[in-house]
PDB file of N, CA and C in Angstrom:
ATOM      1  N   MET A   1      79.201  89.164 198.227  1.00  0.00           N
ATOM      2  CA  MET A   1      77.869  88.681 197.907  1.00  0.00           C
ATOM      3  C   MET A   1      77.197  88.225 199.185  1.00  0.00           C
ATOM      4  N   SER A   2      76.032  88.720 199.456  1.00  0.00           N
ATOM      5  CA  SER A   2      75.316  88.283 200.652  1.00  0.00           C
ATOM      6  C   SER A   2      74.033  87.571 200.281  1.00  0.00           C
ATOM      7  N   ASP A   3      73.906  87.165 199.043  1.00  0.00           N
ATOM      8  CA  ASP A   3      72.726  86.459 198.594  1.00  0.00           C
ATOM      9  C   ASP A   3      73.159  85.290 197.719  1.00  0.00           C
ATOM     10  N   PHE A   4      72.194  84.544 197.260  1.00  0.00           N
ATOM     11  CA  PHE A   4      72.463  83.383 196.425  1.00  0.00           C
ATOM     12  C   PHE A   4      71.605  83.482 195.170  1.00  0.00           C
ATOM     13  N   LYS A   5      71.898  82.607 194.214  1.00  0.00           N
ATOM     14  CA  LYS A   5      71.103  82.542 192.989  1.00  0.00           C
ATOM     15  C   LYS A   5      70.484  81.159 192.874  1.00  0.00           C
ATOM     16  N   ARG A   6      69.295  81.111 192.322  1.00  0.00           N
ATOM     17  CA  ARG A   6      68.643  79.842 192.020  1.00  0.00           C
ATOM     18  C   ARG A   6      69.027  79.443 190.607  1.00  0.00           C
ATOM     19  N   ILE A   7      69.407  78.168 190.442  1.00  0.00           N
ATOM     20  CA  ILE A   7      69.838  77.701 189.123  1.00  0.00           C
ATOM     21  C   ILE A   7      69.182  76.358 188.789  1.00  0.00           C
ATOM     22  N   SER A   8      69.204  76.034 187.517  1.00  0.00           N
ATOM     23  CA  SER A   8      68.633  74.785 187.019  1.00  0.00           C
ATOM     24  C   SER A   8      69.667  73.656 187.087  1.00  0.00           C
ATOM     25  N   VAL A   9      69.218  72.455 186.790  1.00  0.00           N
ATOM     26  CA  VAL A   9      70.132  71.317 186.710  1.00  0.00           C
ATOM     27  C   VAL A   9      71.170  71.559 185.613  1.00  0.00           C
ATOM     28  N   ALA A  10      70.744  72.078 184.474  1.00  0.00           N
ATOM     29  CA  ALA A  10      71.682  72.350 183.378  1.00  0.00           C
ATOM     30  C   ALA A  10      72.742  73.366 183.798  1.00  0.00           C
ATOM     31  N   GLU A  11      72.327  74.406 184.511  1.00  0.00           N
ATOM     32  CA  GLU A  11      73.296  75.404 184.985  1.00  0.00           C
ATOM     33  C   GLU A  11      74.226  74.799 186.037  1.00  0.00           C
ATOM     34  N   THR A  12      73.707  73.871 186.824  1.00  0.00           N
ATOM     35  CA  THR A  12      74.539  73.179 187.806  1.00  0.00           C
ATOM     36  C   THR A  12      75.631  72.395 187.100  1.00  0.00           C
ATOM     37  N   LEU A  13      75.273  71.718 186.027  1.00  0.00           N
ATOM     38  CA  LEU A  13      76.273  70.967 185.252  1.00  0.00           C
ATOM     39  C   LEU A  13      77.397  71.885 184.772  1.00  0.00           C
ATOM     40  N   GLU A  14      77.038  73.070 184.320  1.00  0.00           N
ATOM     41  CA  GLU A  14      78.046  74.035 183.872  1.00  0.00           C
ATOM     42  C   GLU A  14      78.963  74.432 185.015  1.00  0.00           C
ATOM     43  N   LEU A  15      78.391  74.662 186.189  1.00  0.00           N
ATOM     44  CA  LEU A  15      79.201  75.039 187.351  1.00  0.00           C
ATOM     45  C   LEU A  15      80.098  73.897 187.809  1.00  0.00           C
ATOM     46  N   LEU A  16      79.609  72.675 187.716  1.00  0.00           N
ATOM     47  CA  LEU A  16      80.435  71.526 188.098  1.00  0.00           C
ATOM     48  C   LEU A  16      81.664  71.425 187.202  1.00  0.00           C
ATOM     49  N   ALA A  17      81.502  71.784 185.948  1.00  0.00           N
ATOM     50  CA  ALA A  17      82.644  71.789 185.025  1.00  0.00           C
ATOM     51  C   ALA A  17      83.669  72.851 185.416  1.00  0.00           C
ATOM     52  N   GLN A  18      83.235  73.833 186.212  1.00  0.00           N
ATOM     53  CA  GLN A  18      84.116  74.904 186.686  1.00  0.00           C
ATOM     54  C   GLN A  18      84.556  74.660 188.133  1.00  0.00           C
ATOM     55  N   GLN A  19      84.505  73.403 188.568  1.00  0.00           N
ATOM     56  CA  GLN A  19      84.976  73.005 189.899  1.00  0.00           C
ATOM     57  C   GLN A  19      84.096  73.483 191.053  1.00  0.00           C
ATOM     58  N   ALA A  20      82.818  73.654 190.827  1.00  0.00           N
ATOM     59  CA  ALA A  20      81.905  74.004 191.923  1.00  0.00           C
ATOM     60  C   ALA A  20      81.819  72.836 192.904  1.00  0.00           C
ATOM     61  N   VAL A  21      81.556  73.158 194.147  1.00  0.00           N
ATOM     62  CA  VAL A  21      81.358  72.159 195.195  1.00  0.00           C
ATOM     63  C   VAL A  21      79.861  71.991 195.405  1.00  0.00           C
ATOM     64  N   VAL A  22      79.402  70.750 195.500  1.00  0.00           N
ATOM     65  CA  VAL A  22      78.005  70.479 195.803  1.00  0.00           C
ATOM     66  C   VAL A  22      77.884  70.219 197.296  1.00  0.00           C
ATOM     67  N   ALA A  23      77.024  70.987 197.951  1.00  0.00           N
ATOM     68  CA  ALA A  23      76.734  70.809 199.372  1.00  0.00           C
ATOM     69  C   ALA A  23      75.334  70.225 199.486  1.00  0.00           C
ATOM     70  N   ASP A  24      75.250  68.944 199.811  1.00  0.00           N
ATOM     71  CA  ASP A  24      73.977  68.226 199.903  1.00  0.00           C
ATOM     72  C   ASP A  24      73.510  68.273 201.356  1.00  0.00           C
ATOM     73  N   ILE A  25      72.356  68.885 201.600  1.00  0.00           N
ATOM     74  CA  ILE A  25      71.878  69.072 202.971  1.00  0.00           C
ATOM     75  C   ILE A  25      70.794  68.073 203.378  1.00  0.00           C
ATOM     76  N   ARG A  26      70.563  67.058 202.573  1.00  0.00           N
ATOM     77  CA  ARG A  26      69.545  66.060 202.920  1.00  0.00           C
ATOM     78  C   ARG A  26      70.000  65.223 204.116  1.00  0.00           C
ATOM     79  N   ASP A  27      69.075  64.474 204.703  1.00  0.00           N
ATOM     80  CA  ASP A  27      69.405  63.654 205.862  1.00  0.00           C
ATOM     81  C   ASP A  27      70.372  62.527 205.489  1.00  0.00           C
ATOM     82  N   GLU A  28      70.981  61.942 206.516  1.00  0.00           N
ATOM     83  CA  GLU A  28      72.016  60.917 206.349  1.00  0.00           C
ATOM     84  C   GLU A  28      71.549  59.748 205.497  1.00  0.00           C
ATOM     85  N   GLN A  29      70.366  59.242 205.775  1.00  0.00           N
ATOM     86  CA  GLN A  29      69.857  58.079 205.043  1.00  0.00           C
ATOM     87  C   GLN A  29      69.641  58.399 203.565  1.00  0.00           C
ATOM     88  N   SER A  30      69.063  59.544 203.280  1.00  0.00           N
ATOM     89  CA  SER A  30      68.837  59.935 201.881  1.00  0.00           C
ATOM     90  C   SER A  30      70.157  60.126 201.157  1.00  0.00           C
ATOM     91  N   PHE A  31      71.111  60.789 201.816  1.00  0.00           N
ATOM     92  CA  PHE A  31      72.428  61.005 201.216  1.00  0.00           C
ATOM     93  C   PHE A  31      73.110  59.668 200.945  1.00  0.00           C
ATOM     94  N   ALA A  32      73.035  58.750 201.910  1.00  0.00           N
ATOM     95  CA  ALA A  32      73.676  57.443 201.769  1.00  0.00           C
ATOM     96  C   ALA A  32      73.054  56.618 200.650  1.00  0.00           C
ATOM     97  N   SER A  33      71.766  56.793 200.413  1.00  0.00           N
ATOM     98  CA  SER A  33      71.100  55.992 199.379  1.00  0.00           C
ATOM     99  C   SER A  33      71.362  56.525 197.970  1.00  0.00           C
ATOM    100  N   GLY A  34      71.871  57.745 197.849  1.00  0.00           N
ATOM    101  CA  GLY A  34      72.228  58.287 196.544  1.00  0.00           C
ATOM    102  C   GLY A  34      72.452  59.781 196.608  1.00  0.00           C
ATOM    103  N   HIS A  35      73.490  60.226 195.930  1.00  0.00           N
ATOM    104  CA  HIS A  35      73.809  61.656 195.892  1.00  0.00           C
ATOM    105  C   HIS A  35      74.640  61.956 194.646  1.00  0.00           C
ATOM    106  N   MET A  36      74.807  63.215 194.364  1.00  0.00           N
ATOM    107  CA  MET A  36      75.597  63.639 193.220  1.00  0.00           C
ATOM    108  C   MET A  36      77.062  63.289 193.483  1.00  0.00           C
ATOM    109  N   ALA A  37      77.744  62.820 192.469  1.00  0.00           N
ATOM    110  CA  ALA A  37      79.145  62.421 192.612  1.00  0.00           C
ATOM    111  C   ALA A  37      79.968  63.559 193.202  1.00  0.00           C
ATOM    112  N   GLY A  38      80.741  63.228 194.236  1.00  0.00           N
ATOM    113  CA  GLY A  38      81.612  64.206 194.859  1.00  0.00           C
ATOM    114  C   GLY A  38      80.939  65.163 195.819  1.00  0.00           C
ATOM    115  N   ALA A  39      79.653  64.994 196.064  1.00  0.00           N
ATOM    116  CA  ALA A  39      78.925  65.915 196.941  1.00  0.00           C
ATOM    117  C   ALA A  39      79.442  65.839 198.372  1.00  0.00           C
ATOM    118  N   PHE A  40      79.456  66.982 199.030  1.00  0.00           N
ATOM    119  CA  PHE A  40      79.801  67.075 200.443  1.00  0.00           C
ATOM    120  C   PHE A  40      78.498  67.012 201.223  1.00  0.00           C
ATOM    121  N   HIS A  41      78.411  66.095 202.188  1.00  0.00           N
ATOM    122  CA  HIS A  41      77.191  66.007 202.991  1.00  0.00           C
ATOM    123  C   HIS A  41      77.255  67.076 204.072  1.00  0.00           C
ATOM    124  N   LEU A  42      76.555  68.170 203.852  1.00  0.00           N
ATOM    125  CA  LEU A  42      76.589  69.323 204.742  1.00  0.00           C
ATOM    126  C   LEU A  42      75.491  69.218 205.795  1.00  0.00           C
ATOM    127  N   THR A  43      75.922  69.118 207.042  1.00  0.00           N
ATOM    128  CA  THR A  43      75.007  69.058 208.178  1.00  0.00           C
ATOM    129  C   THR A  43      75.474  70.090 209.209  1.00  0.00           C
ATOM    130  N   ASN A  44      74.701  70.258 210.259  1.00  0.00           N
ATOM    131  CA  ASN A  44      75.143  71.150 211.336  1.00  0.00           C
ATOM    132  C   ASN A  44      76.484  70.687 211.898  1.00  0.00           C
ATOM    133  N   THR A  45      76.676  69.375 211.959  1.00  0.00           N
ATOM    134  CA  THR A  45      77.909  68.808 212.496  1.00  0.00           C
ATOM    135  C   THR A  45      79.100  69.001 211.555  1.00  0.00           C
ATOM    136  N   SER A  46      78.874  68.927 210.254  1.00  0.00           N
ATOM    137  CA  SER A  46      79.987  69.018 209.292  1.00  0.00           C
ATOM    138  C   SER A  46      80.230  70.433 208.769  1.00  0.00           C
ATOM    139  N   LEU A  47      79.465  71.407 209.225  1.00  0.00           N
ATOM    140  CA  LEU A  47      79.592  72.777 208.725  1.00  0.00           C
ATOM    141  C   LEU A  47      81.000  73.339 208.928  1.00  0.00           C
ATOM    142  N   GLY A  48      81.575  73.144 210.107  1.00  0.00           N
ATOM    143  CA  GLY A  48      82.919  73.655 210.369  1.00  0.00           C
ATOM    144  C   GLY A  48      83.942  73.064 209.425  1.00  0.00           C
ATOM    145  N   GLN A  49      83.859  71.765 209.199  1.00  0.00           N
ATOM    146  CA  GLN A  49      84.770  71.090 208.267  1.00  0.00           C
ATOM    147  C   GLN A  49      84.595  71.658 206.861  1.00  0.00           C
ATOM    148  N   PHE A  50      83.353  71.842 206.450  1.00  0.00           N
ATOM    149  CA  PHE A  50      83.069  72.400 205.126  1.00  0.00           C
ATOM    150  C   PHE A  50      83.726  73.768 204.978  1.00  0.00           C
ATOM    151  N   MET A  51      83.558  74.608 205.982  1.00  0.00           N
ATOM    152  CA  MET A  51      84.084  75.969 205.905  1.00  0.00           C
ATOM    153  C   MET A  51      85.620  75.991 205.944  1.00  0.00           C
ATOM    154  N   ARG A  52      86.236  74.995 206.560  1.00  0.00           N
ATOM    155  CA  ARG A  52      87.700  74.903 206.543  1.00  0.00           C
ATOM    156  C   ARG A  52      88.214  74.385 205.205  1.00  0.00           C
ATOM    157  N   GLN A  53      87.449  73.524 204.550  1.00  0.00           N
ATOM    158  CA  GLN A  53      87.905  72.868 203.327  1.00  0.00           C
ATOM    159  C   GLN A  53      87.577  73.635 202.046  1.00  0.00           C
ATOM    160  N   VAL A  54      86.482  74.349 202.045  1.00  0.00           N
ATOM    161  CA  VAL A  54      86.012  74.983 200.806  1.00  0.00           C
ATOM    162  C   VAL A  54      86.332  76.480 200.848  1.00  0.00           C
ATOM    163  N   PRO A  55      87.181  76.944 199.930  1.00  0.00           N
ATOM    164  CA  PRO A  55      87.525  78.376 199.895  1.00  0.00           C
ATOM    165  C   PRO A  55      86.294  79.229 199.616  1.00  0.00           C
ATOM    166  N   PHE A  56      86.268  80.429 200.195  1.00  0.00           N
ATOM    167  CA  PHE A  56      85.126  81.318 200.043  1.00  0.00           C
ATOM    168  C   PHE A  56      84.892  81.755 198.599  1.00  0.00           C
ATOM    169  N   GLU A  57      85.917  81.699 197.761  1.00  0.00           N
ATOM    170  CA  GLU A  57      85.746  82.120 196.368  1.00  0.00           C
ATOM    171  C   GLU A  57      85.317  80.965 195.448  1.00  0.00           C
ATOM    172  N   GLN A  58      85.287  79.731 195.960  1.00  0.00           N
ATOM    173  CA  GLN A  58      84.873  78.590 195.143  1.00  0.00           C
ATOM    174  C   GLN A  58      83.350  78.544 195.053  1.00  0.00           C
ATOM    175  N   PRO A  59      82.808  78.327 193.855  1.00  0.00           N
ATOM    176  CA  PRO A  59      81.345  78.236 193.727  1.00  0.00           C
ATOM    177  C   PRO A  59      80.785  77.065 194.535  1.00  0.00           C
ATOM    178  N   VAL A  60      79.645  77.289 195.178  1.00  0.00           N
ATOM    179  CA  VAL A  60      78.983  76.263 195.982  1.00  0.00           C
ATOM    180  C   VAL A  60      77.547  76.130 195.505  1.00  0.00           C
ATOM    181  N   VAL A  61      77.150  74.897 195.192  1.00  0.00           N
ATOM    182  CA  VAL A  61      75.768  74.607 194.810  1.00  0.00           C
ATOM    183  C   VAL A  61      75.142  73.806 195.941  1.00  0.00           C
ATOM    184  N   VAL A  62      74.092  74.348 196.546  1.00  0.00           N
ATOM    185  CA  VAL A  62      73.412  73.667 197.648  1.00  0.00           C
ATOM    186  C   VAL A  62      72.234  72.880 197.083  1.00  0.00           C
ATOM    187  N   VAL A  63      72.144  71.624 197.537  1.00  0.00           N
ATOM    188  CA  VAL A  63      71.114  70.711 197.041  1.00  0.00           C
ATOM    189  C   VAL A  63      70.361  70.117 198.224  1.00  0.00           C
ATOM    190  N   CYS A  64      69.033  70.080 198.101  1.00  0.00           N
ATOM    191  CA  CYS A  64      68.197  69.409 199.097  1.00  0.00           C
ATOM    192  C   CYS A  64      67.311  68.410 198.354  1.00  0.00           C
ATOM    193  N   TYR A  65      66.137  68.133 198.866  1.00  0.00           N
ATOM    194  CA  TYR A  65      65.229  67.176 198.226  1.00  0.00           C
ATOM    195  C   TYR A  65      64.577  67.752 196.970  1.00  0.00           C
ATOM    196  N   HIS A  66      63.918  68.905 197.102  1.00  0.00           N
ATOM    197  CA  HIS A  66      63.142  69.470 196.001  1.00  0.00           C
ATOM    198  C   HIS A  66      63.483  70.925 195.689  1.00  0.00           C
ATOM    199  N   GLY A  67      64.511  71.484 196.301  1.00  0.00           N
ATOM    200  CA  GLY A  67      64.932  72.849 195.991  1.00  0.00           C
ATOM    201  C   GLY A  67      64.374  73.921 196.897  1.00  0.00           C
ATOM    202  N   ASN A  68      63.752  73.543 197.996  1.00  0.00           N
ATOM    203  CA  ASN A  68      63.195  74.533 198.915  1.00  0.00           C
ATOM    204  C   ASN A  68      64.132  74.815 200.090  1.00  0.00           C
ATOM    205  N   SER A  69      64.480  73.782 200.843  1.00  0.00           N
ATOM    206  CA  SER A  69      65.356  73.947 202.011  1.00  0.00           C
ATOM    207  C   SER A  69      66.739  74.458 201.620  1.00  0.00           C
ATOM    208  N   SER A  70      67.167  74.124 200.426  1.00  0.00           N
ATOM    209  CA  SER A  70      68.504  74.542 199.979  1.00  0.00           C
ATOM    210  C   SER A  70      68.611  76.060 199.882  1.00  0.00           C
ATOM    211  N   GLN A  71      67.496  76.736 199.696  1.00  0.00           N
ATOM    212  CA  GLN A  71      67.543  78.194 199.597  1.00  0.00           C
ATOM    213  C   GLN A  71      67.975  78.833 200.911  1.00  0.00           C
ATOM    214  N   GLY A  72      67.460  78.333 202.025  1.00  0.00           N
ATOM    215  CA  GLY A  72      67.865  78.857 203.325  1.00  0.00           C
ATOM    216  C   GLY A  72      69.331  78.570 203.611  1.00  0.00           C
ATOM    217  N   ALA A  73      69.766  77.360 203.278  1.00  0.00           N
ATOM    218  CA  ALA A  73      71.171  76.995 203.498  1.00  0.00           C
ATOM    219  C   ALA A  73      72.082  77.815 202.594  1.00  0.00           C
ATOM    220  N   ALA A  74      71.662  78.043 201.359  1.00  0.00           N
ATOM    221  CA  ALA A  74      72.457  78.860 200.435  1.00  0.00           C
ATOM    222  C   ALA A  74      72.568  80.289 200.958  1.00  0.00           C
ATOM    223  N   ARG A  75      71.480  80.825 201.455  1.00  0.00           N
ATOM    224  CA  ARG A  75      71.501  82.176 202.021  1.00  0.00           C
ATOM    225  C   ARG A  75      72.478  82.240 203.204  1.00  0.00           C
ATOM    226  N   TYR A  76      72.446  81.235 204.052  1.00  0.00           N
ATOM    227  CA  TYR A  76      73.340  81.189 205.205  1.00  0.00           C
ATOM    228  C   TYR A  76      74.807  81.176 204.753  1.00  0.00           C
ATOM    229  N   LEU A  77      75.146  80.339 203.774  1.00  0.00           N
ATOM    230  CA  LEU A  77      76.534  80.270 203.304  1.00  0.00           C
ATOM    231  C   LEU A  77      76.964  81.602 202.692  1.00  0.00           C
ATOM    232  N   ALA A  78      76.069  82.243 201.980  1.00  0.00           N
ATOM    233  CA  ALA A  78      76.391  83.558 201.408  1.00  0.00           C
ATOM    234  C   ALA A  78      76.645  84.565 202.531  1.00  0.00           C
ATOM    235  N   GLU A  79      75.857  84.502 203.583  1.00  0.00           N
ATOM    236  CA  GLU A  79      76.047  85.403 204.721  1.00  0.00           C
ATOM    237  C   GLU A  79      77.366  85.141 205.447  1.00  0.00           C
ATOM    238  N   GLN A  80      77.867  83.915 205.355  1.00  0.00           N
ATOM    239  CA  GLN A  80      79.139  83.574 205.991  1.00  0.00           C
ATOM    240  C   GLN A  80      80.341  84.044 205.175  1.00  0.00           C
ATOM    241  N   GLY A  81      80.087  84.487 203.940  1.00  0.00           N
ATOM    242  CA  GLY A  81      81.172  85.019 203.126  1.00  0.00           C
ATOM    243  C   GLY A  81      81.444  84.293 201.828  1.00  0.00           C
ATOM    244  N   TYR A  82      80.710  83.223 201.545  1.00  0.00           N
ATOM    245  CA  TYR A  82      80.903  82.555 200.255  1.00  0.00           C
ATOM    246  C   TYR A  82      80.427  83.484 199.150  1.00  0.00           C
ATOM    247  N   GLU A  83      81.257  83.642 198.136  1.00  0.00           N
ATOM    248  CA  GLU A  83      81.027  84.653 197.106  1.00  0.00           C
ATOM    249  C   GLU A  83      80.070  84.206 196.005  1.00  0.00           C
ATOM    250  N   GLN A  84      80.054  82.908 195.698  1.00  0.00           N
ATOM    251  CA  GLN A  84      79.213  82.386 194.624  1.00  0.00           C
ATOM    252  C   GLN A  84      78.419  81.199 195.173  1.00  0.00           C
ATOM    253  N   VAL A  85      77.204  81.455 195.610  1.00  0.00           N
ATOM    254  CA  VAL A  85      76.369  80.412 196.198  1.00  0.00           C
ATOM    255  C   VAL A  85      75.102  80.259 195.370  1.00  0.00           C
ATOM    256  N   TYR A  86      74.738  79.004 195.138  1.00  0.00           N
ATOM    257  CA  TYR A  86      73.589  78.700 194.296  1.00  0.00           C
ATOM    258  C   TYR A  86      72.712  77.650 194.975  1.00  0.00           C
ATOM    259  N   SER A  87      71.420  77.730 194.736  1.00  0.00           N
ATOM    260  CA  SER A  87      70.467  76.717 195.161  1.00  0.00           C
ATOM    261  C   SER A  87      69.915  76.084 193.890  1.00  0.00           C
ATOM    262  N   MET A  88      70.013  74.755 193.802  1.00  0.00           N
ATOM    263  CA  MET A  88      69.561  74.074 192.587  1.00  0.00           C
ATOM    264  C   MET A  88      68.053  73.841 192.646  1.00  0.00           C
ATOM    265  N   ASP A  89      67.341  74.452 191.714  1.00  0.00           N
ATOM    266  CA  ASP A  89      65.885  74.283 191.618  1.00  0.00           C
ATOM    267  C   ASP A  89      65.540  72.813 191.377  1.00  0.00           C
ATOM    268  N   GLY A  90      64.525  72.346 192.063  1.00  0.00           N
ATOM    269  CA  GLY A  90      64.081  70.967 191.894  1.00  0.00           C
ATOM    270  C   GLY A  90      64.836  69.987 192.765  1.00  0.00           C
ATOM    271  N   GLY A  91      65.945  70.408 193.350  1.00  0.00           N
ATOM    272  CA  GLY A  91      66.717  69.581 194.262  1.00  0.00           C
ATOM    273  C   GLY A  91      67.207  68.279 193.656  1.00  0.00           C
ATOM    274  N   PHE A  92      67.568  67.360 194.551  1.00  0.00           N
ATOM    275  CA  PHE A  92      68.133  66.085 194.126  1.00  0.00           C
ATOM    276  C   PHE A  92      67.144  65.292 193.285  1.00  0.00           C
ATOM    277  N   GLU A  93      65.868  65.411 193.571  1.00  0.00           N
ATOM    278  CA  GLU A  93      64.876  64.668 192.776  1.00  0.00           C
ATOM    279  C   GLU A  93      64.912  65.101 191.316  1.00  0.00           C
ATOM    280  N   SER A  94      65.076  66.379 191.076  1.00  0.00           N
ATOM    281  CA  SER A  94      65.180  66.868 189.706  1.00  0.00           C
ATOM    282  C   SER A  94      66.471  66.371 189.059  1.00  0.00           C
ATOM    283  N   TRP A  95      67.553  66.423 189.816  1.00  0.00           N
ATOM    284  CA  TRP A  95      68.842  65.927 189.312  1.00  0.00           C
ATOM    285  C   TRP A  95      68.729  64.448 188.945  1.00  0.00           C
ATOM    286  N   ARG A  96      68.153  63.664 189.849  1.00  0.00           N
ATOM    287  CA  ARG A  96      68.039  62.221 189.659  1.00  0.00           C
ATOM    288  C   ARG A  96      67.251  61.882 188.398  1.00  0.00           C
ATOM    289  N   THR A  97      66.218  62.648 188.102  1.00  0.00           N
ATOM    290  CA  THR A  97      65.416  62.348 186.915  1.00  0.00           C
ATOM    291  C   THR A  97      66.071  62.849 185.625  1.00  0.00           C
ATOM    292  N   GLN A  98      66.953  63.837 185.741  1.00  0.00           N
ATOM    293  CA  GLN A  98      67.583  64.404 184.544  1.00  0.00           C
ATOM    294  C   GLN A  98      68.996  63.886 184.286  1.00  0.00           C
ATOM    295  N   GLN A  99      69.632  63.334 185.314  1.00  0.00           N
ATOM    296  CA  GLN A  99      70.997  62.851 185.189  1.00  0.00           C
ATOM    297  C   GLN A  99      71.061  61.392 185.623  1.00  0.00           C
ATOM    298  N   PRO A 100      71.585  60.519 184.775  1.00  0.00           N
ATOM    299  CA  PRO A 100      71.618  59.103 185.146  1.00  0.00           C
ATOM    300  C   PRO A 100      72.717  58.742 186.139  1.00  0.00           C
ATOM    301  N   PHE A 101      73.639  59.659 186.415  1.00  0.00           N
ATOM    302  CA  PHE A 101      74.787  59.331 187.255  1.00  0.00           C
ATOM    303  C   PHE A 101      74.566  59.783 188.689  1.00  0.00           C
ATOM    304  N   VAL A 102      74.188  58.828 189.526  1.00  0.00           N
ATOM    305  CA  VAL A 102      73.971  59.099 190.942  1.00  0.00           C
ATOM    306  C   VAL A 102      74.920  58.175 191.706  1.00  0.00           C
ATOM    307  N   SER A 103      75.636  58.746 192.646  1.00  0.00           N
ATOM    308  CA  SER A 103      76.606  57.972 193.410  1.00  0.00           C
ATOM    309  C   SER A 103      75.993  57.466 194.701  1.00  0.00           C
ATOM    310  N   GLY A 104      76.570  56.417 195.214  1.00  0.00           N
ATOM    311  CA  GLY A 104      76.197  55.899 196.516  1.00  0.00           C
ATOM    312  C   GLY A 104      77.115  56.422 197.585  1.00  0.00           C
ATOM    313  N   GLN A 105      77.046  55.851 198.756  1.00  0.00           N
ATOM    314  CA  GLN A 105      77.755  56.396 199.906  1.00  0.00           C
ATOM    315  C   GLN A 105      79.263  56.308 199.791  1.00  0.00           C
ATOM    316  N   SER A 106      79.832  55.515 198.920  1.00  0.00           N
ATOM    317  CA  SER A 106      81.282  55.357 198.861  1.00  0.00           C
ATOM    318  C   SER A 106      81.999  56.553 198.258  1.00  0.00           C
ATOM    319  N   ASP A 107      81.305  57.511 197.713  1.00  0.00           N
ATOM    320  CA  ASP A 107      81.940  58.656 197.070  1.00  0.00           C
ATOM    321  C   ASP A 107      82.295  59.807 197.981  1.00  0.00           C
ATOM    322  N   SER A 108      81.910  59.790 199.225  1.00  0.00           N
ATOM    323  CA  SER A 108      82.246  60.933 200.072  1.00  0.00           C
ATOM    324  C   SER A 108      82.584  60.522 201.474  1.00  0.00           C
TER     325      SER A 108
END
C-alpha cells in the first residue's frame, strides 16, 4: 500500500479495538495537554523510534489538530512501507468532542 485512507472517529474506534496504533503529530504542548489514550507522539525526532517499534503490518491512525496535516504524515508512513495507514478526519478536536476519554501526558 502506498496510500492512506481517511476515516471517521467511529471508524478509528473500530481500528483501536483491532490494536491500531495512534500516531499523534501535534506539537509537544498540545500533546501534553491532552491526547488519545496510548497515542505515540510522532515527531521528526521520534520517527526512527516509531518505525523500530511499530510493525509495518500494524494499522496506524495518524491524528493532528483538525485532520489536515495528518494526511501528509499518513501518506509519508504509507510510502515508508506501512500497509494500513489512516488519517482521522476532524483530527483531535473531533475526537475530543465525540469521545470523553482524553489522556494527559502520563500515558506515553
